[in-house]
C-alpha atoms as a PDB file:
ATOM      1  CA  MET A   1      67.177  47.949 -89.260  1.00  0.00           C
ATOM      2  CA  SER A   2      68.476  45.364 -86.831  1.00  0.00           C
ATOM      3  CA  GLU A   3      66.902  45.102 -83.393  1.00  0.00           C
ATOM      4  CA  GLU A   4      70.139  46.186 -81.700  1.00  0.00           C
ATOM      5  CA  ASN A   5      70.067  49.472 -83.658  1.00  0.00           C
ATOM      6  CA  THR A   6      66.403  50.214 -82.953  1.00  0.00           C
ATOM      7  CA  ALA A   7      65.801  53.232 -80.716  1.00  0.00           C
ATOM      8  CA  ARG A   8      64.277  52.174 -77.422  1.00  0.00           C
ATOM      9  CA  LEU A   9      63.802  53.409 -73.883  1.00  0.00           C
ATOM     10  CA  ASN A  10      67.074  52.033 -72.574  1.00  0.00           C
ATOM     11  CA  ARG A  11      68.874  52.702 -69.301  1.00  0.00           C
ATOM     12  CA  ALA A  12      70.297  56.019 -70.494  1.00  0.00           C
ATOM     13  CA  ALA A  13      66.883  57.367 -71.529  1.00  0.00           C
ATOM     14  CA  ARG A  14      65.260  56.117 -68.323  1.00  0.00           C
ATOM     15  CA  ASP A  15      67.938  57.814 -66.231  1.00  0.00           C
ATOM     16  CA  VAL A  16      67.381  61.151 -67.998  1.00  0.00           C
ATOM     17  CA  ILE A  17      63.613  60.907 -67.392  1.00  0.00           C
ATOM     18  CA  ALA A  18      64.185  59.927 -63.752  1.00  0.00           C
ATOM     19  CA  GLU A  19      66.502  62.914 -63.268  1.00  0.00           C
ATOM     20  CA  ARG A  20      63.912  65.217 -64.820  1.00  0.00           C
ATOM     21  CA  ARG A  21      61.306  63.917 -62.382  1.00  0.00           C
ATOM     22  CA  ARG A  22      63.748  64.316 -59.490  1.00  0.00           C
ATOM     23  CA  GLN A  23      64.355  67.943 -60.425  1.00  0.00           C
ATOM     24  CA  VAL A  24      60.612  68.591 -60.258  1.00  0.00           C
ATOM     25  CA  SER A  25      59.798  66.570 -57.123  1.00  0.00           C
ATOM     26  CA  ALA A  26      62.936  66.842 -54.975  1.00  0.00           C
ATOM     27  CA  GLU A  27      64.320  70.242 -55.949  1.00  0.00           C
ATOM     28  CA  SER A  28      60.996  71.964 -56.674  1.00  0.00           C
ATOM     29  CA  TYR A  29      61.952  73.015 -60.210  1.00  0.00           C
ATOM     30  CA  SER A  30      58.387  73.155 -61.444  1.00  0.00           C
ATOM     31  CA  LEU A  31      56.986  73.556 -64.930  1.00  0.00           C
ATOM     32  CA  PHE A  32      55.674  76.943 -63.842  1.00  0.00           C
ATOM     33  CA  GLN A  33      59.230  78.149 -63.284  1.00  0.00           C
ATOM     34  CA  ASP A  34      60.436  76.543 -66.511  1.00  0.00           C
ATOM     35  CA  ASP A  35      57.887  78.522 -68.514  1.00  0.00           C
ATOM     36  CA  LEU A  36      59.588  81.742 -67.362  1.00  0.00           C
ATOM     37  CA  TYR A  37      62.925  80.765 -68.931  1.00  0.00           C
ATOM     38  CA  VAL A  38      62.187  82.204 -72.359  1.00  0.00           C
ATOM     39  CA  LYS A  39      65.765  83.196 -73.213  1.00  0.00           C
ATOM     40  CA  GLY A  40      67.189  79.692 -73.589  1.00  0.00           C
ATOM     41  CA  GLU A  41      68.386  79.393 -69.995  1.00  0.00           C
ATOM     42  CA  LEU A  42      67.508  75.694 -69.726  1.00  0.00           C
ATOM     43  CA  ALA A  43      69.437  74.797 -72.879  1.00  0.00           C
ATOM     44  CA  GLU A  44      72.348  76.976 -71.752  1.00  0.00           C
ATOM     45  CA  ALA A  45      72.424  75.196 -68.391  1.00  0.00           C
ATOM     46  CA  ALA A  46      72.381  71.826 -70.164  1.00  0.00           C
ATOM     47  CA  ALA A  47      75.323  72.848 -72.338  1.00  0.00           C
ATOM     48  CA  THR A  48      77.281  73.990 -69.280  1.00  0.00           C
ATOM     49  CA  TYR A  49      76.809  70.646 -67.539  1.00  0.00           C
ATOM     50  CA  ALA A  50      77.796  68.791 -70.702  1.00  0.00           C
ATOM     51  CA  ASN A  51      80.898  70.922 -71.297  1.00  0.00           C
ATOM     52  CA  LEU A  52      82.140  70.687 -67.712  1.00  0.00           C
ATOM     53  CA  ALA A  53      81.092  67.108 -66.943  1.00  0.00           C
ATOM     54  CA  SER A  54      83.361  65.337 -64.414  1.00  0.00           C
ATOM     55  CA  ARG A  55      85.062  68.601 -63.378  1.00  0.00           C
ATOM     56  CA  PRO A  56      83.625  68.994 -59.855  1.00  0.00           C
ATOM     57  CA  ARG A  57      85.280  72.280 -58.916  1.00  0.00           C
ATOM     58  CA  SER A  58      84.541  74.035 -62.179  1.00  0.00           C
ATOM     59  CA  MET A  59      82.638  77.302 -62.429  1.00  0.00           C
ATOM     60  CA  SER A  60      81.327  78.933 -65.582  1.00  0.00           C
ATOM     61  CA  THR A  61      80.041  82.337 -66.600  1.00  0.00           C
ATOM     62  CA  SER A  62      77.753  80.472 -69.007  1.00  0.00           C
ATOM     63  CA  TRP A  63      75.693  79.099 -66.116  1.00  0.00           C
ATOM     64  CA  PRO A  64      72.463  81.156 -66.279  1.00  0.00           C
ATOM     65  CA  TRP A  65      71.636  81.125 -62.567  1.00  0.00           C
ATOM     66  CA  LYS A  66      73.405  81.578 -59.223  1.00  0.00           C
ATOM     67  CA  GLN A  67      76.744  79.781 -59.133  1.00  0.00           C
ATOM     68  CA  ASN A  68      75.821  77.842 -55.996  1.00  0.00           C
ATOM     69  CA  THR A  69      73.143  76.028 -57.997  1.00  0.00           C
ATOM     70  CA  PHE A  70      75.741  74.625 -60.415  1.00  0.00           C
ATOM     71  CA  LYS A  71      76.860  71.283 -58.981  1.00  0.00           C
ATOM     72  CA  PRO A  72      79.165  69.363 -61.327  1.00  0.00           C
ATOM     73  CA  SER A  73      80.544  66.100 -59.970  1.00  0.00           C
ATOM     74  CA  SER A  74      83.436  63.755 -60.692  1.00  0.00           C
ATOM     75  CA  ASP A  75      80.967  61.376 -62.354  1.00  0.00           C
ATOM     76  CA  ARG A  76      80.894  62.292 -66.051  1.00  0.00           C
ATOM     77  CA  ARG A  77      77.860  60.131 -66.790  1.00  0.00           C
ATOM     78  CA  ARG A  78      75.905  61.667 -63.913  1.00  0.00           C
ATOM     79  CA  ASP A  79      76.611  65.180 -65.173  1.00  0.00           C
ATOM     80  CA  LEU A  80      75.577  64.222 -68.709  1.00  0.00           C
ATOM     81  CA  VAL A  81      72.322  62.804 -67.339  1.00  0.00           C
ATOM     82  CA  LYS A  82      71.709  66.187 -65.666  1.00  0.00           C
ATOM     83  CA  ALA A  83      72.434  67.888 -68.992  1.00  0.00           C
ATOM     84  CA  GLY A  84      69.978  65.583 -70.749  1.00  0.00           C
ATOM     85  CA  ALA A  85      67.280  66.293 -68.166  1.00  0.00           C
ATOM     86  CA  LEU A  86      67.720  70.048 -68.619  1.00  0.00           C
ATOM     87  CA  LEU A  87      67.453  69.655 -72.394  1.00  0.00           C
ATOM     88  CA  LEU A  88      64.292  67.617 -71.882  1.00  0.00           C
ATOM     89  CA  ALA A  89      62.913  70.437 -69.729  1.00  0.00           C
ATOM     90  CA  GLU A  90      63.609  72.955 -72.516  1.00  0.00           C
ATOM     91  CA  ILE A  91      61.928  70.747 -75.139  1.00  0.00           C
ATOM     92  CA  GLU A  92      58.895  70.376 -72.861  1.00  0.00           C
ATOM     93  CA  ARG A  93      58.801  74.162 -72.384  1.00  0.00           C
ATOM     94  CA  LEU A  94      58.813  74.725 -76.146  1.00  0.00           C
ATOM     95  CA  ASP A  95      56.001  72.197 -76.554  1.00  0.00           C
ATOM     96  CA  ARG A  96      53.911  74.211 -74.096  1.00  0.00           C
ATOM     97  CA  VAL A  97      54.356  77.537 -75.890  1.00  0.00           C
ATOM     98  CA  GLY A  98      51.269  76.978 -78.058  1.00  0.00           C
ATOM     99  CA  LEU A  99      49.100  76.031 -75.088  1.00  0.00           C
ATOM    100  CA  ILE A 100      46.732  78.326 -73.211  1.00  0.00           C
ATOM    101  CA  GLN A 101      48.609  80.681 -70.887  1.00  0.00           C
ATOM    102  CA  PRO A 102      47.628  82.966 -67.993  1.00  0.00           C
ATOM    103  CA  ALA A 103      45.938  86.183 -69.118  1.00  0.00           C
ATOM    104  CA  PRO A 104      44.590  89.315 -67.408  1.00  0.00           C
ATOM    105  CA  VAL A 105      41.090  88.853 -65.995  1.00  0.00           C
ATOM    106  CA  VAL A 106      38.814  91.584 -67.355  1.00  0.00           C
ATOM    107  CA  ARG A 107      35.266  90.969 -66.160  1.00  0.00           C
ATOM    108  CA  ASP A 108      32.114  92.421 -67.688  1.00  0.00           C
ATOM    109  CA  GLU A 109      29.610  94.577 -65.837  1.00  0.00           C
ATOM    110  CA  MET A 110      27.914  91.514 -64.307  1.00  0.00           C
ATOM    111  CA  GLY A 111      31.184  89.927 -63.208  1.00  0.00           C
ATOM    112  CA  SER A 112      31.568  87.304 -65.924  1.00  0.00           C
ATOM    113  CA  PHE A 113      34.832  86.440 -67.648  1.00  0.00           C
ATOM    114  CA  GLN A 114      36.086  83.916 -70.183  1.00  0.00           C
ATOM    115  CA  HIS A 115      39.710  83.430 -71.215  1.00  0.00           C
ATOM    116  CA  LEU A 116      40.069  84.515 -74.849  1.00  0.00           C
ATOM    117  CA  ASP A 117      41.870  81.277 -75.769  1.00  0.00           C
ATOM    118  CA  MET A 118      39.270  78.996 -74.207  1.00  0.00           C
ATOM    119  CA  PRO A 119      36.785  77.477 -76.689  1.00  0.00           C
ATOM    120  CA  ASP A 120      33.076  78.254 -76.366  1.00  0.00           C
ATOM    121  CA  PHE A 121      31.629  75.018 -75.016  1.00  0.00           C
ATOM    122  CA  ASP A 122      27.860  74.645 -75.158  1.00  0.00           C
ATOM    123  CA  GLU A 123      25.669  72.814 -72.672  1.00  0.00           C
ATOM    124  CA  GLY A 124      26.145  69.114 -73.289  1.00  0.00           C
ATOM    125  CA  ASP A 125      29.753  69.537 -74.456  1.00  0.00           C
ATOM    126  CA  GLY A 126      31.145  67.954 -71.300  1.00  0.00           C
ATOM    127  CA  ASP A 127      33.161  65.323 -73.146  1.00  0.00           C
ATOM    128  CA  LYS A 128      34.594  67.915 -75.543  1.00  0.00           C
ATOM    129  CA  CYS A 129      35.570  70.119 -72.610  1.00  0.00           C
ATOM    130  CA  LYS A 130      37.283  67.216 -70.820  1.00  0.00           C
ATOM    131  CA  ALA A 131      39.164  66.326 -74.000  1.00  0.00           C
ATOM    132  CA  TRP A 132      40.342  69.925 -74.411  1.00  0.00           C
ATOM    133  CA  VAL A 133      41.507  70.096 -70.782  1.00  0.00           C
ATOM    134  CA  ALA A 134      43.463  66.856 -71.250  1.00  0.00           C
ATOM    135  CA  GLU A 135      44.972  68.083 -74.535  1.00  0.00           C
ATOM    136  CA  GLN A 136      46.072  71.278 -72.798  1.00  0.00           C
ATOM    137  CA  GLY A 137      47.621  69.326 -69.926  1.00  0.00           C
ATOM    138  CA  LEU A 138      45.611  71.237 -67.334  1.00  0.00           C
ATOM    139  CA  GLU A 139      44.519  70.593 -63.792  1.00  0.00           C
ATOM    140  CA  VAL A 140      41.197  72.355 -63.176  1.00  0.00           C
ATOM    141  CA  ALA A 141      39.573  73.482 -59.924  1.00  0.00           C
ATOM    142  CA  MET A 142      36.204  75.151 -59.383  1.00  0.00           C
ATOM    143  CA  MET A 143      35.325  77.713 -56.728  1.00  0.00           C
ATOM    144  CA  SER A 144      31.654  78.486 -56.053  1.00  0.00           C
ATOM    145  CA  LEU A 145      30.175  81.738 -54.777  1.00  0.00           C
ATOM    146  CA  GLU A 146      27.673  79.622 -52.833  1.00  0.00           C
ATOM    147  CA  TYR A 147      30.446  78.376 -50.536  1.00  0.00           C
ATOM    148  CA  THR A 148      32.411  81.608 -50.268  1.00  0.00           C
ATOM    149  CA  ASP A 149      32.146  84.247 -47.548  1.00  0.00           C
ATOM    150  CA  GLU A 150      28.667  84.007 -46.007  1.00  0.00           C
ATOM    151  CA  ALA A 151      27.929  87.724 -46.368  1.00  0.00           C
ATOM    152  CA  ILE A 152      28.743  87.644 -50.087  1.00  0.00           C
ATOM    153  CA  ALA A 153      26.694  84.493 -50.631  1.00  0.00           C
ATOM    154  CA  ASN A 154      23.711  85.988 -48.804  1.00  0.00           C
ATOM    155  CA  ARG A 155      24.004  89.241 -50.752  1.00  0.00           C
ATOM    156  CA  TYR A 156      23.804  87.403 -54.054  1.00  0.00           C
ATOM    157  CA  PHE A 157      21.169  84.764 -53.308  1.00  0.00           C
ATOM    158  CA  GLU A 158      18.851  87.041 -51.327  1.00  0.00           C
ATOM    159  CA  SER A 159      18.950  90.040 -53.666  1.00  0.00           C
ATOM    160  CA  GLY A 160      17.737  88.393 -56.857  1.00  0.00           C
ATOM    161  CA  ASP A 161      20.188  90.658 -58.683  1.00  0.00           C
ATOM    162  CA  PRO A 162      22.227  88.851 -61.375  1.00  0.00           C
ATOM    163  CA  ASP A 163      25.224  91.132 -60.727  1.00  0.00           C
ATOM    164  CA  TYR A 164      28.076  89.313 -58.934  1.00  0.00           C
ATOM    165  CA  SER A 165      30.921  91.593 -59.977  1.00  0.00           C
ATOM    166  CA  TYR A 166      31.722  92.250 -56.285  1.00  0.00           C
ATOM    167  CA  TRP A 167      32.712  88.591 -55.777  1.00  0.00           C
ATOM    168  CA  GLU A 168      36.463  87.964 -55.834  1.00  0.00           C
ATOM    169  CA  PRO A 169      36.910  84.179 -56.159  1.00  0.00           C
ATOM    170  CA  ASP A 170      39.543  82.566 -53.946  1.00  0.00           C
ATOM    171  CA  ARG A 171      42.555  81.138 -55.753  1.00  0.00           C
ATOM    172  CA  PRO A 172      43.283  77.449 -54.989  1.00  0.00           C
ATOM    173  CA  ASP A 173      46.310  76.618 -52.863  1.00  0.00           C
ATOM    174  CA  GLY A 174      49.578  76.138 -54.729  1.00  0.00           C
ATOM    175  CA  GLU A 175      51.350  77.948 -57.537  1.00  0.00           C
ATOM    176  CA  GLY A 176      50.567  78.404 -61.207  1.00  0.00           C
ATOM    177  CA  TRP A 177      46.787  78.856 -61.067  1.00  0.00           C
ATOM    178  CA  PHE A 178      45.135  81.176 -63.585  1.00  0.00           C
ATOM    179  CA  CYS A 179      41.504  81.960 -64.315  1.00  0.00           C
ATOM    180  CA  LEU A 180      39.734  80.189 -67.181  1.00  0.00           C
ATOM    181  CA  ALA A 181      36.235  81.540 -66.618  1.00  0.00           C
ATOM    182  CA  ILE A 182      33.835  83.140 -64.168  1.00  0.00           C
ATOM    183  CA  HIS A 183      30.211  82.497 -65.059  1.00  0.00           C
ATOM    184  CA  ASP A 184      26.744  81.837 -63.691  1.00  0.00           C
ATOM    185  CA  THR A 185      25.211  78.376 -63.311  1.00  0.00           C
ATOM    186  CA  ASP A 186      21.922  76.978 -62.018  1.00  0.00           C
ATOM    187  CA  ASP A 187      23.595  76.834 -58.594  1.00  0.00           C
ATOM    188  CA  GLY A 188      25.041  80.327 -58.744  1.00  0.00           C
ATOM    189  CA  PRO A 189      28.284  81.849 -60.032  1.00  0.00           C
ATOM    190  CA  VAL A 190      31.443  79.752 -60.201  1.00  0.00           C
ATOM    191  CA  CYS A 191      35.070  80.401 -61.059  1.00  0.00           C
ATOM    192  CA  ARG A 192      37.106  77.824 -62.952  1.00  0.00           C
ATOM    193  CA  TRP A 193      40.825  77.894 -62.244  1.00  0.00           C
ATOM    194  CA  ALA A 194      43.479  75.985 -64.138  1.00  0.00           C
ATOM    195  CA  ARG A 195      47.179  75.270 -63.997  1.00  0.00           C
ATOM    196  CA  ARG A 196      49.557  73.154 -65.991  1.00  0.00           C
ATOM    197  CA  GLU A 197      50.008  69.659 -64.574  1.00  0.00           C
ATOM    198  CA  VAL A 198      53.412  69.400 -62.966  1.00  0.00           C
ATOM    199  CA  THR A 199      54.292  65.770 -63.722  1.00  0.00           C
ATOM    200  CA  PRO A 200      56.782  65.768 -66.624  1.00  0.00           C
END
């Protein structure tokens, strides 16, 4: 195959990726929202932009969301870039389907919990755990009972009772967080939260 026919990250591909990033950063269309579009809405939106490219006053019943969010322009290439970015978003969503997802938190009598789809990592498996988190595309945050409400911390550390089921861990700021595990450590109970990284 000649070099001129070899697939590469050319201007067109870069523009689609840049538009996808713009949708996430400038218009707040996050991956968390995308994961809710399980009926093909992203692909349908892409098709609408492609079909009505360069027809700025067009409206369509095929557009899956509110009509005021459909913004075709007189620039056909620009509209096709938007269509490509929406298709990219749908492909990314499909790629995430097999990844760990939020699940109901059902704690045991002591207050512990582990997500059913999270592997059982043993002590010393730090590298394996980090590799799994990276493979899943997760951002992880830890909340500790030790640094929670003072009354709750005192109740646990002064009682000598291993039960911490009364502790309700604070959720980190931002959207998309779900609980991976709540468990005891040498420094007291902790809760590990996770969410999908938002950079496409």
